[in-house]
Amino acid sequence: MTWILVTSGTGFVVGHVIYVLLKRGHSVVTTVHSEPKAQSIRNAFHGVGEEKLNFDIVPDIAAKDAFQGLGAHGLEAAIQVASPMS
């Protein structure tokens, strides 16, 4: 099973990227700013379990250690979409 990181999971385009990756059989870890944002993605992908879709809460992507906790997921690829600008 391939785990792929997709940053900034709540974006419109990113939602489509996550959908395609899941449809192709990949597992996805996506970054979000908060637990409520993670819940909104869970709701959008109702029925997709933690074995296929997981989250990492990153309140500030510009922080030096923002992505430090992602190593535990055994990621094999990353799609960088997040931007520190709003």
N, C-alpha and C. Protein backbone atom coordinates (compact mmCIF):
# COMPACT_ATOMS: atom_id res chain seq x y z
N MET A 1 0.84 -1.18 0.00
CA MET A 1 0.00 0.00 0.00
C MET A 1 0.89 1.24 0.00
N THR A 2 0.67 2.12 -0.93
CA THR A 2 1.45 3.35 -1.06
C THR A 2 0.79 4.47 -0.28
N TRP A 3 1.52 5.05 0.67
CA TRP A 3 1.05 6.22 1.39
C TRP A 3 1.61 7.46 0.72
N ILE A 4 0.71 8.39 0.40
CA ILE A 4 1.11 9.64 -0.26
C ILE A 4 0.67 10.82 0.59
N LEU A 5 1.58 11.75 0.81
CA LEU A 5 1.26 12.98 1.52
C LEU A 5 0.70 13.99 0.54
N VAL A 6 -0.43 14.59 0.88
CA VAL A 6 -0.98 15.70 0.12
C VAL A 6 -1.17 16.84 1.11
N THR A 7 -0.42 17.91 0.94
CA THR A 7 -0.51 19.01 1.90
C THR A 7 -1.76 19.85 1.65
N SER A 8 -2.23 20.48 2.71
CA SER A 8 -3.37 21.40 2.65
C SER A 8 -4.64 20.73 2.15
N GLY A 9 -5.09 19.71 2.87
CA GLY A 9 -6.20 18.88 2.45
C GLY A 9 -7.55 19.53 2.29
N THR A 10 -7.75 20.72 2.82
CA THR A 10 -9.08 21.32 2.74
C THR A 10 -9.30 22.16 1.49
N GLY A 11 -8.32 22.30 0.66
CA GLY A 11 -8.48 23.10 -0.56
C GLY A 11 -9.36 22.41 -1.59
N PHE A 12 -9.98 23.19 -2.46
CA PHE A 12 -10.89 22.67 -3.48
C PHE A 12 -10.18 21.71 -4.43
N VAL A 13 -9.06 22.13 -4.98
CA VAL A 13 -8.31 21.28 -5.91
C VAL A 13 -7.78 20.05 -5.20
N VAL A 14 -7.31 20.24 -3.98
CA VAL A 14 -6.74 19.12 -3.21
C VAL A 14 -7.79 18.04 -2.97
N GLY A 15 -9.03 18.42 -2.77
CA GLY A 15 -10.09 17.43 -2.60
C GLY A 15 -10.19 16.50 -3.80
N HIS A 16 -10.02 17.05 -4.97
CA HIS A 16 -10.04 16.24 -6.19
C HIS A 16 -8.80 15.36 -6.29
N VAL A 17 -7.66 15.89 -5.89
CA VAL A 17 -6.42 15.10 -5.89
C VAL A 17 -6.57 13.91 -4.95
N ILE A 18 -7.08 14.16 -3.75
CA ILE A 18 -7.29 13.07 -2.78
C ILE A 18 -8.24 12.04 -3.35
N TYR A 19 -9.32 12.48 -3.97
CA TYR A 19 -10.30 11.56 -4.55
C TYR A 19 -9.63 10.64 -5.58
N VAL A 20 -8.86 11.22 -6.49
CA VAL A 20 -8.20 10.42 -7.54
C VAL A 20 -7.21 9.44 -6.93
N LEU A 21 -6.43 9.88 -5.97
CA LEU A 21 -5.46 8.99 -5.34
C LEU A 21 -6.15 7.81 -4.65
N LEU A 22 -7.22 8.09 -3.92
CA LEU A 22 -7.96 7.01 -3.26
C LEU A 22 -8.56 6.06 -4.28
N LYS A 23 -9.11 6.61 -5.35
CA LYS A 23 -9.73 5.81 -6.41
C LYS A 23 -8.70 4.87 -7.06
N ARG A 24 -7.45 5.33 -7.13
CA ARG A 24 -6.39 4.51 -7.73
C ARG A 24 -5.75 3.54 -6.74
N GLY A 25 -6.31 3.49 -5.53
CA GLY A 25 -5.85 2.50 -4.55
C GLY A 25 -4.77 2.96 -3.60
N HIS A 26 -4.40 4.22 -3.64
CA HIS A 26 -3.39 4.74 -2.73
C HIS A 26 -4.01 5.08 -1.39
N SER A 27 -3.18 5.18 -0.38
CA SER A 27 -3.58 5.71 0.92
C SER A 27 -3.03 7.12 1.02
N VAL A 28 -3.78 8.00 1.68
CA VAL A 28 -3.44 9.42 1.69
C VAL A 28 -3.32 9.93 3.12
N VAL A 29 -2.25 10.67 3.37
CA VAL A 29 -2.12 11.49 4.58
C VAL A 29 -2.19 12.92 4.10
N THR A 30 -3.05 13.70 4.70
CA THR A 30 -3.15 15.10 4.31
C THR A 30 -2.99 15.99 5.54
N THR A 31 -2.42 17.15 5.33
CA THR A 31 -2.25 18.09 6.43
C THR A 31 -3.44 19.03 6.49
N VAL A 32 -3.81 19.38 7.72
CA VAL A 32 -4.90 20.32 7.96
C VAL A 32 -4.49 21.22 9.12
N HIS A 33 -5.16 22.35 9.27
CA HIS A 33 -4.83 23.29 10.33
C HIS A 33 -5.42 22.91 11.68
N SER A 34 -6.51 22.14 11.68
CA SER A 34 -7.19 21.84 12.94
C SER A 34 -8.02 20.56 12.82
N GLU A 35 -8.44 20.04 13.96
CA GLU A 35 -9.29 18.85 13.97
C GLU A 35 -10.63 19.09 13.27
N PRO A 36 -11.28 20.26 13.45
CA PRO A 36 -12.53 20.50 12.70
C PRO A 36 -12.32 20.43 11.18
N LYS A 37 -11.17 20.88 10.69
CA LYS A 37 -10.88 20.78 9.25
C LYS A 37 -10.73 19.32 8.85
N ALA A 38 -10.08 18.52 9.70
CA ALA A 38 -9.95 17.09 9.41
C ALA A 38 -11.34 16.45 9.36
N GLN A 39 -12.20 16.84 10.27
CA GLN A 39 -13.55 16.27 10.30
C GLN A 39 -14.32 16.62 9.04
N SER A 40 -14.12 17.80 8.51
CA SER A 40 -14.83 18.18 7.28
C SER A 40 -14.39 17.29 6.11
N ILE A 41 -13.12 16.91 6.08
CA ILE A 41 -12.65 16.00 5.03
C ILE A 41 -13.19 14.60 5.26
N ARG A 42 -13.20 14.15 6.53
CA ARG A 42 -13.80 12.84 6.83
C ARG A 42 -15.24 12.79 6.34
N ASN A 43 -15.97 13.87 6.56
CA ASN A 43 -17.37 13.92 6.12
C ASN A 43 -17.47 13.86 4.60
N ALA A 44 -16.56 14.53 3.92
CA ALA A 44 -16.58 14.54 2.45
C ALA A 44 -16.25 13.16 1.88
N PHE A 45 -15.41 12.41 2.59
CA PHE A 45 -15.02 11.07 2.15
C PHE A 45 -15.61 10.02 3.08
N HIS A 46 -16.89 10.18 3.35
CA HIS A 46 -17.62 9.28 4.25
C HIS A 46 -17.41 7.83 3.82
N GLY A 47 -17.09 6.99 4.78
CA GLY A 47 -16.90 5.58 4.49
C GLY A 47 -15.46 5.18 4.22
N VAL A 48 -14.57 6.17 4.06
CA VAL A 48 -13.15 5.87 3.86
C VAL A 48 -12.50 5.85 5.24
N GLY A 49 -11.95 4.70 5.62
CA GLY A 49 -11.38 4.53 6.95
C GLY A 49 -9.96 5.04 7.08
N GLU A 50 -9.46 4.98 8.33
CA GLU A 50 -8.11 5.45 8.63
C GLU A 50 -7.02 4.67 7.91
N GLU A 51 -7.34 3.46 7.46
CA GLU A 51 -6.35 2.67 6.73
C GLU A 51 -6.11 3.23 5.33
N LYS A 52 -6.97 4.14 4.87
CA LYS A 52 -6.83 4.75 3.54
C LYS A 52 -6.67 6.27 3.59
N LEU A 53 -7.19 6.91 4.64
CA LEU A 53 -7.16 8.37 4.72
C LEU A 53 -6.84 8.79 6.14
N ASN A 54 -5.72 9.49 6.29
CA ASN A 54 -5.28 9.90 7.61
C ASN A 54 -4.90 11.37 7.58
N PHE A 55 -4.75 11.95 8.76
CA PHE A 55 -4.53 13.39 8.88
C PHE A 55 -3.37 13.71 9.79
N ASP A 56 -2.70 14.81 9.50
CA ASP A 56 -1.69 15.36 10.38
C ASP A 56 -2.04 16.83 10.59
N ILE A 57 -2.26 17.21 11.84
CA ILE A 57 -2.62 18.59 12.16
C ILE A 57 -1.35 19.44 12.15
N VAL A 58 -1.33 20.44 11.28
CA VAL A 58 -0.18 21.35 11.14
C VAL A 58 -0.74 22.77 11.21
N PRO A 59 -0.78 23.36 12.42
CA PRO A 59 -1.37 24.70 12.56
C PRO A 59 -0.64 25.78 11.77
N ASP A 60 0.69 25.64 11.64
CA ASP A 60 1.48 26.67 10.95
C ASP A 60 2.49 25.99 10.04
N ILE A 61 2.22 25.96 8.75
CA ILE A 61 3.11 25.26 7.82
C ILE A 61 4.46 25.97 7.65
N ALA A 62 4.55 27.21 8.12
CA ALA A 62 5.81 27.94 8.03
C ALA A 62 6.73 27.65 9.23
N ALA A 63 6.22 26.96 10.24
CA ALA A 63 7.03 26.64 11.42
C ALA A 63 8.15 25.67 11.04
N LYS A 64 9.29 25.82 11.70
CA LYS A 64 10.47 25.02 11.38
C LYS A 64 10.19 23.52 11.46
N ASP A 65 9.42 23.09 12.45
CA ASP A 65 9.16 21.66 12.65
C ASP A 65 7.74 21.26 12.21
N ALA A 66 7.15 22.00 11.32
CA ALA A 66 5.75 21.80 10.93
C ALA A 66 5.45 20.39 10.45
N PHE A 67 6.35 19.79 9.71
CA PHE A 67 6.09 18.49 9.11
C PHE A 67 6.87 17.36 9.78
N GLN A 68 7.41 17.62 10.95
CA GLN A 68 8.26 16.66 11.64
C GLN A 68 7.54 15.36 11.98
N GLY A 69 6.27 15.40 12.30
CA GLY A 69 5.53 14.20 12.70
C GLY A 69 5.12 13.29 11.57
N LEU A 70 5.38 13.66 10.34
CA LEU A 70 4.91 12.88 9.20
C LEU A 70 5.71 11.60 8.95
N GLY A 71 6.88 11.48 9.52
CA GLY A 71 7.72 10.31 9.30
C GLY A 71 7.08 9.01 9.75
N ALA A 72 6.19 9.07 10.70
CA ALA A 72 5.55 7.86 11.24
C ALA A 72 4.63 7.19 10.22
N HIS A 73 4.25 7.88 9.18
CA HIS A 73 3.31 7.34 8.20
C HIS A 73 3.97 6.47 7.13
N GLY A 74 5.28 6.46 7.05
CA GLY A 74 5.95 5.67 6.02
C GLY A 74 5.62 6.15 4.62
N LEU A 75 5.69 7.44 4.42
CA LEU A 75 5.31 8.04 3.14
C LEU A 75 6.26 7.65 2.02
N GLU A 76 5.69 7.46 0.84
CA GLU A 76 6.48 7.11 -0.34
C GLU A 76 6.49 8.22 -1.38
N ALA A 77 5.60 9.18 -1.24
CA ALA A 77 5.53 10.29 -2.20
C ALA A 77 4.84 11.47 -1.52
N ALA A 78 5.00 12.65 -2.10
CA ALA A 78 4.35 13.84 -1.57
C ALA A 78 3.90 14.74 -2.71
N ILE A 79 2.75 15.35 -2.50
CA ILE A 79 2.24 16.36 -3.43
C ILE A 79 2.09 17.63 -2.61
N GLN A 80 2.94 18.62 -2.89
CA GLN A 80 2.97 19.86 -2.12
C GLN A 80 2.00 20.86 -2.73
N VAL A 81 0.96 21.19 -1.97
CA VAL A 81 -0.03 22.15 -2.44
C VAL A 81 -0.13 23.33 -1.48
N ALA A 82 0.23 23.12 -0.23
CA ALA A 82 0.08 24.14 0.81
C ALA A 82 0.95 25.35 0.52
N SER A 83 0.44 26.50 0.96
CA SER A 83 1.18 27.74 0.84
C SER A 83 0.95 28.53 2.13
N PRO A 84 1.99 29.17 2.67
CA PRO A 84 1.80 29.94 3.89
C PRO A 84 1.02 31.23 3.67
N MET A 85 0.68 31.54 2.45
CA MET A 85 -0.08 32.74 2.14
C MET A 85 -1.57 32.41 2.10
N SER A 86 -2.39 33.37 2.50
CA SER A 86 -3.83 33.14 2.44
C SER A 86 -4.49 34.07 1.45
